[in-house]
Amino acid sequence: VTPYPDQGCIDTVYTTIISSADVIDLKVPVATLQSCISTGLDLTTGQITSGSSSGLSFAYYTDPNLTNYAPTPKFITASGTYYIKATNSVGCIVVKPVTVIISTYPVFSVTPPQPITRPGYFDLNSAISGNTNGIVYTFWQDTLATIPIARPEAMSKSGTYYIKATNQGGCYIISAITIQVNEPLVTPPNAFSPNGDGINDQWEIHLLCLYPDCLVAIFNRSGQSLFKSAGYSN
């Protein structure tokens, strides 16, 4: 360092340069990262950079020039492309982008069904209207969606049930639906002719097969019991 005339003495300053042959292997997901706006997305979790070189430190940015830090990398609530900078122990860096989609809550509606009569049934899927793209619908017996419905396409019992709509980001909404299932009119025939002519040879109570625990009792005009059964078969 040579100063201007009469401005000081000649001097020498030193610096140390360290050359690193280490290759930084920064791994980030190629696929788009999705999350719900209520939970946000944590860019700092180890799952995001799993498999990268050891000993790296990370910083998170919203632009490729690395001029704007992501303000809350632990709680990303806006969709976009973010940039992860990995730095090793001697200052070498690698930058890679990740794409994030933050979902809002799905929008759908439930149309209350008209009353049905057994042996008819109701398909819960038919009550759903609105946008169904990218939404998974599940059907439950309780408000917390912990008890699934075995056959939502064939509902035959009155009650209030619950439809849960979940989008790809994990946001969900649960809506209730009430089904009214009426019992059919069961009318036993008052006569039959078991004479082998193929006409009314059997005494059958239509629709009684819907009630496997029924009790059947037959009496004559004097009130004497002629037949009893637990359950019913033709």
C-alpha atoms as a PDB file:
ATOM      1  CA  VAL A   1       0.000   0.000   0.000  1.00  0.00           C
ATOM      2  CA  THR A   2       1.714   3.181  -1.213  1.00  0.00           C
ATOM      3  CA  PRO A   3       0.303   6.488   0.103  1.00  0.00           C
ATOM      4  CA  TYR A   4       0.284   9.797  -1.654  1.00  0.00           C
ATOM      5  CA  PRO A   5       3.421  11.860  -1.125  1.00  0.00           C
ATOM      6  CA  ASP A   6       3.829  13.042   2.449  1.00  0.00           C
ATOM      7  CA  GLN A   7       0.664  11.133   3.427  1.00  0.00           C
ATOM      8  CA  GLY A   8       2.182   8.212   5.290  1.00  0.00           C
ATOM      9  CA  CYS A   9       4.429   5.184   4.998  1.00  0.00           C
ATOM     10  CA  ILE A  10       4.424   2.223   2.659  1.00  0.00           C
ATOM     11  CA  ASP A  11       2.745  -0.768   4.261  1.00  0.00           C
ATOM     12  CA  THR A  12       1.645  -4.290   3.435  1.00  0.00           C
ATOM     13  CA  VAL A  13      -1.607  -5.949   4.547  1.00  0.00           C
ATOM     14  CA  TYR A  14      -2.337  -9.646   4.374  1.00  0.00           C
ATOM     15  CA  THR A  15      -5.400 -11.844   3.860  1.00  0.00           C
ATOM     16  CA  THR A  16      -5.890 -15.566   3.884  1.00  0.00           C
ATOM     17  CA  ILE A  17      -7.663 -17.352   1.030  1.00  0.00           C
ATOM     18  CA  ILE A  18      -9.002 -20.851   1.632  1.00  0.00           C
ATOM     19  CA  SER A  19      -9.830 -22.897  -1.413  1.00  0.00           C
ATOM     20  CA  SER A  20     -12.445 -25.569  -0.829  1.00  0.00           C
ATOM     21  CA  ALA A  21     -12.722 -28.598  -3.014  1.00  0.00           C
ATOM     22  CA  ASP A  22     -15.901 -29.675  -1.277  1.00  0.00           C
ATOM     23  CA  VAL A  23     -18.914 -30.081  -3.551  1.00  0.00           C
ATOM     24  CA  ILE A  24     -22.127 -28.790  -2.011  1.00  0.00           C
ATOM     25  CA  ASP A  25     -24.955 -31.173  -2.701  1.00  0.00           C
ATOM     26  CA  LEU A  26     -28.142 -29.250  -1.974  1.00  0.00           C
ATOM     27  CA  LYS A  27     -31.251 -31.354  -2.417  1.00  0.00           C
ATOM     28  CA  VAL A  28     -34.691 -29.755  -2.508  1.00  0.00           C
ATOM     29  CA  PRO A  29     -38.025 -31.181  -3.682  1.00  0.00           C
ATOM     30  CA  VAL A  30     -38.632 -31.063  -7.416  1.00  0.00           C
ATOM     31  CA  ALA A  31     -42.375 -31.403  -6.941  1.00  0.00           C
ATOM     32  CA  THR A  32     -44.484 -28.475  -5.804  1.00  0.00           C
ATOM     33  CA  LEU A  33     -44.869 -28.158  -2.034  1.00  0.00           C
ATOM     34  CA  GLN A  34     -48.469 -27.771  -0.895  1.00  0.00           C
ATOM     35  CA  SER A  35     -49.986 -26.766   2.404  1.00  0.00           C
ATOM     36  CA  CYS A  36     -53.070 -25.160   3.918  1.00  0.00           C
ATOM     37  CA  ILE A  37     -53.169 -21.467   4.762  1.00  0.00           C
ATOM     38  CA  SER A  38     -54.145 -22.281   8.340  1.00  0.00           C
ATOM     39  CA  THR A  39     -50.967 -24.295   9.003  1.00  0.00           C
ATOM     40  CA  GLY A  40     -48.616 -22.635   6.533  1.00  0.00           C
ATOM     41  CA  LEU A  41     -45.469 -24.323   5.211  1.00  0.00           C
ATOM     42  CA  ASP A  42     -42.213 -24.608   7.152  1.00  0.00           C
ATOM     43  CA  LEU A  43     -39.310 -24.187   4.712  1.00  0.00           C
ATOM     44  CA  THR A  44     -36.793 -24.751   7.501  1.00  0.00           C
ATOM     45  CA  THR A  45     -37.821 -28.309   8.295  1.00  0.00           C
ATOM     46  CA  GLY A  46     -35.195 -30.940   7.639  1.00  0.00           C
ATOM     47  CA  GLN A  47     -37.516 -32.765   5.268  1.00  0.00           C
ATOM     48  CA  ILE A  48     -37.144 -29.967   2.708  1.00  0.00           C
ATOM     49  CA  THR A  49     -33.337 -30.380   2.408  1.00  0.00           C
ATOM     50  CA  SER A  50     -33.144 -34.055   3.338  1.00  0.00           C
ATOM     51  CA  GLY A  51     -30.173 -35.804   1.689  1.00  0.00           C
ATOM     52  CA  SER A  52     -28.072 -32.626   1.302  1.00  0.00           C
ATOM     53  CA  SER A  53     -24.411 -32.381   2.288  1.00  0.00           C
ATOM     54  CA  SER A  54     -23.777 -32.229   6.023  1.00  0.00           C
ATOM     55  CA  GLY A  55     -22.650 -29.109   7.843  1.00  0.00           C
ATOM     56  CA  LEU A  56     -24.607 -26.660   5.697  1.00  0.00           C
ATOM     57  CA  SER A  57     -26.333 -23.520   6.930  1.00  0.00           C
ATOM     58  CA  PHE A  58     -29.444 -22.297   5.138  1.00  0.00           C
ATOM     59  CA  ALA A  59     -31.036 -18.961   4.339  1.00  0.00           C
ATOM     60  CA  TYR A  60     -34.363 -18.333   2.608  1.00  0.00           C
ATOM     61  CA  TYR A  61     -35.239 -15.682   0.031  1.00  0.00           C
ATOM     62  CA  THR A  62     -38.166 -14.580  -2.096  1.00  0.00           C
ATOM     63  CA  ASP A  63     -36.101 -13.584  -5.174  1.00  0.00           C
ATOM     64  CA  PRO A  64     -33.352 -15.245  -7.237  1.00  0.00           C
ATOM     65  CA  ASN A  65     -30.940 -12.336  -6.598  1.00  0.00           C
ATOM     66  CA  LEU A  66     -31.061 -13.115  -2.859  1.00  0.00           C
ATOM     67  CA  THR A  67     -31.882  -9.538  -1.918  1.00  0.00           C
ATOM     68  CA  ASN A  68     -35.128 -10.170  -0.019  1.00  0.00           C
ATOM     69  CA  TYR A  69     -35.229 -12.574   2.889  1.00  0.00           C
ATOM     70  CA  ALA A  70     -38.377 -14.646   3.361  1.00  0.00           C
ATOM     71  CA  PRO A  71     -39.774 -12.871   6.463  1.00  0.00           C
ATOM     72  CA  THR A  72     -41.265 -15.981   8.076  1.00  0.00           C
ATOM     73  CA  PRO A  73     -39.639 -19.079   6.538  1.00  0.00           C
ATOM     74  CA  LYS A  74     -41.144 -21.246   9.285  1.00  0.00           C
ATOM     75  CA  PHE A  75     -44.664 -20.148   8.338  1.00  0.00           C
ATOM     76  CA  ILE A  76     -45.072 -19.528   4.603  1.00  0.00           C
ATOM     77  CA  THR A  77     -48.645 -18.454   3.805  1.00  0.00           C
ATOM     78  CA  ALA A  78     -48.265 -17.136   0.244  1.00  0.00           C
ATOM     79  CA  SER A  79     -47.872 -19.190  -2.919  1.00  0.00           C
ATOM     80  CA  GLY A  80     -44.790 -18.554  -5.035  1.00  0.00           C
ATOM     81  CA  THR A  81     -41.207 -19.559  -5.751  1.00  0.00           C
ATOM     82  CA  TYR A  82     -38.760 -19.343  -2.865  1.00  0.00           C
ATOM     83  CA  TYR A  83     -34.977 -19.720  -2.938  1.00  0.00           C
ATOM     84  CA  ILE A  84     -32.889 -21.715  -0.477  1.00  0.00           C
ATOM     85  CA  LYS A  85     -29.221 -20.746  -0.130  1.00  0.00           C
ATOM     86  CA  ALA A  86     -26.921 -23.388   1.323  1.00  0.00           C
ATOM     87  CA  THR A  87     -23.524 -22.278   2.680  1.00  0.00           C
ATOM     88  CA  ASN A  88     -20.714 -24.598   3.763  1.00  0.00           C
ATOM     89  CA  SER A  89     -18.078 -23.957   6.440  1.00  0.00           C
ATOM     90  CA  VAL A  90     -15.765 -21.930   4.151  1.00  0.00           C
ATOM     91  CA  GLY A  91     -18.450 -19.803   2.568  1.00  0.00           C
ATOM     92  CA  CYS A  92     -19.186 -21.617  -0.682  1.00  0.00           C
ATOM     93  CA  ILE A  93     -22.852 -21.362  -1.602  1.00  0.00           C
ATOM     94  CA  VAL A  94     -25.457 -23.106  -3.748  1.00  0.00           C
ATOM     95  CA  VAL A  95     -28.951 -21.734  -4.405  1.00  0.00           C
ATOM     96  CA  LYS A  96     -31.974 -23.739  -5.527  1.00  0.00           C
ATOM     97  CA  PRO A  97     -35.651 -22.784  -5.971  1.00  0.00           C
ATOM     98  CA  VAL A  98     -38.700 -24.474  -4.484  1.00  0.00           C
ATOM     99  CA  THR A  99     -42.274 -23.895  -5.632  1.00  0.00           C
ATOM    100  CA  VAL A 100     -44.932 -23.486  -2.960  1.00  0.00           C
ATOM    101  CA  ILE A 101     -48.717 -23.526  -3.287  1.00  0.00           C
ATOM    102  CA  ILE A 102     -50.748 -22.446  -0.278  1.00  0.00           C
ATOM    103  CA  SER A 103     -54.364 -23.547  -0.509  1.00  0.00           C
ATOM    104  CA  THR A 104     -57.398 -21.770   0.870  1.00  0.00           C
ATOM    105  CA  TYR A 105     -60.454 -23.610   2.142  1.00  0.00           C
ATOM    106  CA  PRO A 106     -62.519 -25.559  -0.406  1.00  0.00           C
ATOM    107  CA  VAL A 107     -65.915 -24.204  -1.387  1.00  0.00           C
ATOM    108  CA  PHE A 108     -68.806 -26.606  -1.867  1.00  0.00           C
ATOM    109  CA  SER A 109     -72.443 -26.913  -0.908  1.00  0.00           C
ATOM    110  CA  VAL A 110     -74.701 -29.732   0.229  1.00  0.00           C
ATOM    111  CA  THR A 111     -78.220 -30.080  -1.156  1.00  0.00           C
ATOM    112  CA  PRO A 112     -80.663 -31.559   1.404  1.00  0.00           C
ATOM    113  CA  PRO A 113     -82.273 -34.689  -0.029  1.00  0.00           C
ATOM    114  CA  GLN A 114     -85.975 -35.380  -0.273  1.00  0.00           C
ATOM    115  CA  PRO A 115     -87.332 -38.039   2.115  1.00  0.00           C
ATOM    116  CA  ILE A 116     -87.031 -41.588   0.798  1.00  0.00           C
ATOM    117  CA  THR A 117     -88.832 -44.779   1.700  1.00  0.00           C
ATOM    118  CA  ARG A 118     -87.230 -48.131   2.320  1.00  0.00           C
ATOM    119  CA  PRO A 119     -86.086 -50.219   0.494  1.00  0.00           C
ATOM    120  CA  GLY A 120     -84.946 -47.084  -1.348  1.00  0.00           C
ATOM    121  CA  TYR A 121     -81.599 -45.540  -0.453  1.00  0.00           C
ATOM    122  CA  PHE A 122     -79.738 -42.279  -0.878  1.00  0.00           C
ATOM    123  CA  ASP A 123     -76.287 -41.670  -2.389  1.00  0.00           C
ATOM    124  CA  LEU A 124     -74.447 -39.012  -0.370  1.00  0.00           C
ATOM    125  CA  ASN A 125     -72.285 -38.193  -3.391  1.00  0.00           C
ATOM    126  CA  SER A 126     -75.346 -36.863  -5.191  1.00  0.00           C
ATOM    127  CA  ALA A 127     -75.830 -34.168  -2.537  1.00  0.00           C
ATOM    128  CA  ILE A 128     -72.511 -32.453  -3.340  1.00  0.00           C
ATOM    129  CA  SER A 129     -72.455 -29.447  -5.641  1.00  0.00           C
ATOM    130  CA  GLY A 130     -69.858 -26.819  -6.480  1.00  0.00           C
ATOM    131  CA  ASN A 131     -66.218 -27.117  -7.525  1.00  0.00           C
ATOM    132  CA  THR A 132     -65.019 -30.703  -7.235  1.00  0.00           C
ATOM    133  CA  ASN A 133     -61.664 -30.354  -9.022  1.00  0.00           C
ATOM    134  CA  GLY A 134     -58.801 -31.449  -6.796  1.00  0.00           C
ATOM    135  CA  ILE A 135     -61.115 -32.054  -3.841  1.00  0.00           C
ATOM    136  CA  VAL A 136     -61.488 -35.373  -2.038  1.00  0.00           C
ATOM    137  CA  TYR A 137     -64.822 -36.004  -0.343  1.00  0.00           C
ATOM    138  CA  THR A 138     -65.149 -38.404   2.577  1.00  0.00           C
ATOM    139  CA  PHE A 139     -68.217 -39.311   4.610  1.00  0.00           C
ATOM    140  CA  TRP A 140     -68.508 -39.644   8.385  1.00  0.00           C
ATOM    141  CA  GLN A 141     -70.943 -40.426  11.168  1.00  0.00           C
ATOM    142  CA  ASP A 142     -69.667 -37.780  13.608  1.00  0.00           C
ATOM    143  CA  THR A 143     -68.811 -34.076  13.594  1.00  0.00           C
ATOM    144  CA  LEU A 144     -65.092 -34.729  14.207  1.00  0.00           C
ATOM    145  CA  ALA A 145     -64.865 -37.068  11.201  1.00  0.00           C
ATOM    146  CA  THR A 146     -63.487 -40.008  13.165  1.00  0.00           C
ATOM    147  CA  ILE A 147     -66.107 -42.684  12.376  1.00  0.00           C
ATOM    148  CA  PRO A 148     -66.352 -43.403   8.634  1.00  0.00           C
ATOM    149  CA  ILE A 149     -69.526 -44.398   6.834  1.00  0.00           C
ATOM    150  CA  ALA A 150     -69.148 -47.838   5.299  1.00  0.00           C
ATOM    151  CA  ARG A 151     -71.399 -47.322   2.267  1.00  0.00           C
ATOM    152  CA  PRO A 152     -72.102 -43.632   1.594  1.00  0.00           C
ATOM    153  CA  GLU A 153     -73.580 -44.541  -1.796  1.00  0.00           C
ATOM    154  CA  ALA A 154     -76.397 -46.562  -0.172  1.00  0.00           C
ATOM    155  CA  MET A 155     -77.708 -44.726   2.890  1.00  0.00           C
ATOM    156  CA  SER A 156     -80.886 -46.351   4.226  1.00  0.00           C
ATOM    157  CA  LYS A 157     -81.131 -45.045   7.801  1.00  0.00           C
ATOM    158  CA  SER A 158     -82.406 -41.681   8.994  1.00  0.00           C
ATOM    159  CA  GLY A 159     -79.918 -39.401  10.719  1.00  0.00           C
ATOM    160  CA  THR A 160     -77.460 -36.540  10.408  1.00  0.00           C
ATOM    161  CA  TYR A 161     -74.195 -37.349   8.669  1.00  0.00           C
ATOM    162  CA  TYR A 162     -71.119 -35.329   7.719  1.00  0.00           C
ATOM    163  CA  ILE A 163     -69.307 -34.691   4.445  1.00  0.00           C
ATOM    164  CA  LYS A 164     -65.664 -33.635   4.629  1.00  0.00           C
ATOM    165  CA  ALA A 165     -64.091 -31.849   1.646  1.00  0.00           C
ATOM    166  CA  THR A 166     -60.270 -31.795   1.569  1.00  0.00           C
ATOM    167  CA  ASN A 167     -58.154 -30.112  -1.105  1.00  0.00           C
ATOM    168  CA  GLN A 168     -54.599 -30.906  -2.151  1.00  0.00           C
ATOM    169  CA  GLY A 169     -53.140 -28.447   0.338  1.00  0.00           C
ATOM    170  CA  GLY A 170     -54.852 -30.170   3.249  1.00  0.00           C
ATOM    171  CA  CYS A 171     -57.480 -27.494   3.925  1.00  0.00           C
ATOM    172  CA  TYR A 172     -60.858 -29.028   4.729  1.00  0.00           C
ATOM    173  CA  ILE A 173     -64.423 -28.127   5.589  1.00  0.00           C
ATOM    174  CA  ILE A 174     -67.054 -30.402   7.153  1.00  0.00           C
ATOM    175  CA  SER A 175     -70.750 -29.938   6.336  1.00  0.00           C
ATOM    176  CA  ALA A 176     -73.713 -31.746   7.851  1.00  0.00           C
ATOM    177  CA  ILE A 177     -76.477 -33.445   5.890  1.00  0.00           C
ATOM    178  CA  THR A 178     -79.707 -34.874   7.313  1.00  0.00           C
ATOM    179  CA  ILE A 179     -81.413 -37.838   5.699  1.00  0.00           C
ATOM    180  CA  GLN A 180     -84.994 -38.887   6.360  1.00  0.00           C
ATOM    181  CA  VAL A 181     -85.769 -42.504   5.545  1.00  0.00           C
ATOM    182  CA  ASN A 182     -89.424 -43.485   6.002  1.00  0.00           C
ATOM    183  CA  GLU A 183     -90.584 -46.977   6.770  1.00  0.00           C
ATOM    184  CA  PRO A 184     -92.712 -48.699   4.100  1.00  0.00           C
ATOM    185  CA  LEU A 185     -96.328 -49.719   4.631  1.00  0.00           C
ATOM    186  CA  VAL A 186     -96.275 -53.451   5.369  1.00  0.00           C
ATOM    187  CA  THR A 187     -99.663 -55.062   4.682  1.00  0.00           C
ATOM    188  CA  PRO A 188    -100.034 -58.820   5.310  1.00  0.00           C
ATOM    189  CA  PRO A 189    -102.430 -60.603   2.931  1.00  0.00           C
ATOM    190  CA  ASN A 190    -105.571 -61.913   4.620  1.00  0.00           C
ATOM    191  CA  ALA A 191    -105.963 -65.079   2.523  1.00  0.00           C
ATOM    192  CA  PHE A 192    -104.072 -67.605   0.418  1.00  0.00           C
ATOM    193  CA  SER A 193    -104.935 -70.788  -1.466  1.00  0.00           C
ATOM    194  CA  PRO A 194    -102.315 -73.552  -1.054  1.00  0.00           C
ATOM    195  CA  ASN A 195    -103.860 -75.860  -3.634  1.00  0.00           C
ATOM    196  CA  GLY A 196    -100.874 -76.278  -5.918  1.00  0.00           C
ATOM    197  CA  ASP A 197    -102.264 -74.283  -8.832  1.00  0.00           C
ATOM    198  CA  GLY A 198     -99.350 -71.840  -8.702  1.00  0.00           C
ATOM    199  CA  ILE A 199    -101.577 -68.902  -7.759  1.00  0.00           C
ATOM    200  CA  ASN A 200    -101.316 -67.508  -4.222  1.00  0.00           C
ATOM    201  CA  ASP A 201    -100.008 -70.842  -2.993  1.00  0.00           C
ATOM    202  CA  GLN A 202     -97.733 -69.103  -0.489  1.00  0.00           C
ATOM    203  CA  TRP A 203     -98.619 -66.619   2.234  1.00  0.00           C
ATOM    204  CA  GLU A 204     -96.021 -63.858   1.880  1.00  0.00           C
ATOM    205  CA  ILE A 205     -95.705 -60.525   3.650  1.00  0.00           C
ATOM    206  CA  HIS A 206     -93.935 -58.313   1.172  1.00  0.00           C
ATOM    207  CA  LEU A 207     -91.186 -55.993   2.509  1.00  0.00           C
ATOM    208  CA  LEU A 208     -91.117 -57.766   5.865  1.00  0.00           C
ATOM    209  CA  CYS A 209     -87.682 -59.073   4.881  1.00  0.00           C
ATOM    210  CA  LEU A 210     -86.438 -55.545   5.658  1.00  0.00           C
ATOM    211  CA  TYR A 211     -86.916 -56.333   9.342  1.00  0.00           C
ATOM    212  CA  PRO A 212     -84.844 -59.413  10.205  1.00  0.00           C
ATOM    213  CA  ASP A 213     -85.680 -59.134  13.921  1.00  0.00           C
ATOM    214  CA  CYS A 214     -89.441 -58.987  13.471  1.00  0.00           C
ATOM    215  CA  LEU A 215     -91.910 -61.210  15.297  1.00  0.00           C
ATOM    216  CA  VAL A 216     -94.690 -62.856  13.283  1.00  0.00           C
ATOM    217  CA  ALA A 217     -97.776 -64.173  14.996  1.00  0.00           C
ATOM    218  CA  ILE A 218    -100.920 -65.602  13.339  1.00  0.00           C
ATOM    219  CA  PHE A 219    -104.242 -66.070  15.144  1.00  0.00           C
ATOM    220  CA  ASN A 220    -107.608 -67.476  14.106  1.00  0.00           C
ATOM    221  CA  ARG A 221    -110.859 -65.602  14.499  1.00  0.00           C
ATOM    222  CA  SER A 222    -111.191 -66.923  18.035  1.00  0.00           C
ATOM    223  CA  GLY A 223    -107.834 -65.453  19.018  1.00  0.00           C
ATOM    224  CA  GLN A 224    -106.065 -68.797  19.211  1.00  0.00           C
ATOM    225  CA  SER A 225    -102.389 -68.719  18.259  1.00  0.00           C
ATOM    226  CA  LEU A 226    -101.746 -70.732  15.087  1.00  0.00           C
ATOM    227  CA  PHE A 227     -98.163 -69.699  14.239  1.00  0.00           C
ATOM    228  CA  LYS A 228     -95.270 -67.698  15.668  1.00  0.00           C
ATOM    229  CA  SER A 229     -91.772 -67.009  14.435  1.00  0.00           C
ATOM    230  CA  ALA A 230     -88.841 -64.794  15.362  1.00  0.00           C
ATOM    231  CA  GLY A 231     -87.687 -63.386  12.075  1.00  0.00           C
ATOM    232  CA  TYR A 232     -89.379 -63.986   8.770  1.00  0.00           C
ATOM    233  CA  SER A 233     -88.979 -66.262   5.785  1.00  0.00           C
ATOM    234  CA  ASN A 234     -91.494 -66.755   2.981  1.00  0.00           C
END
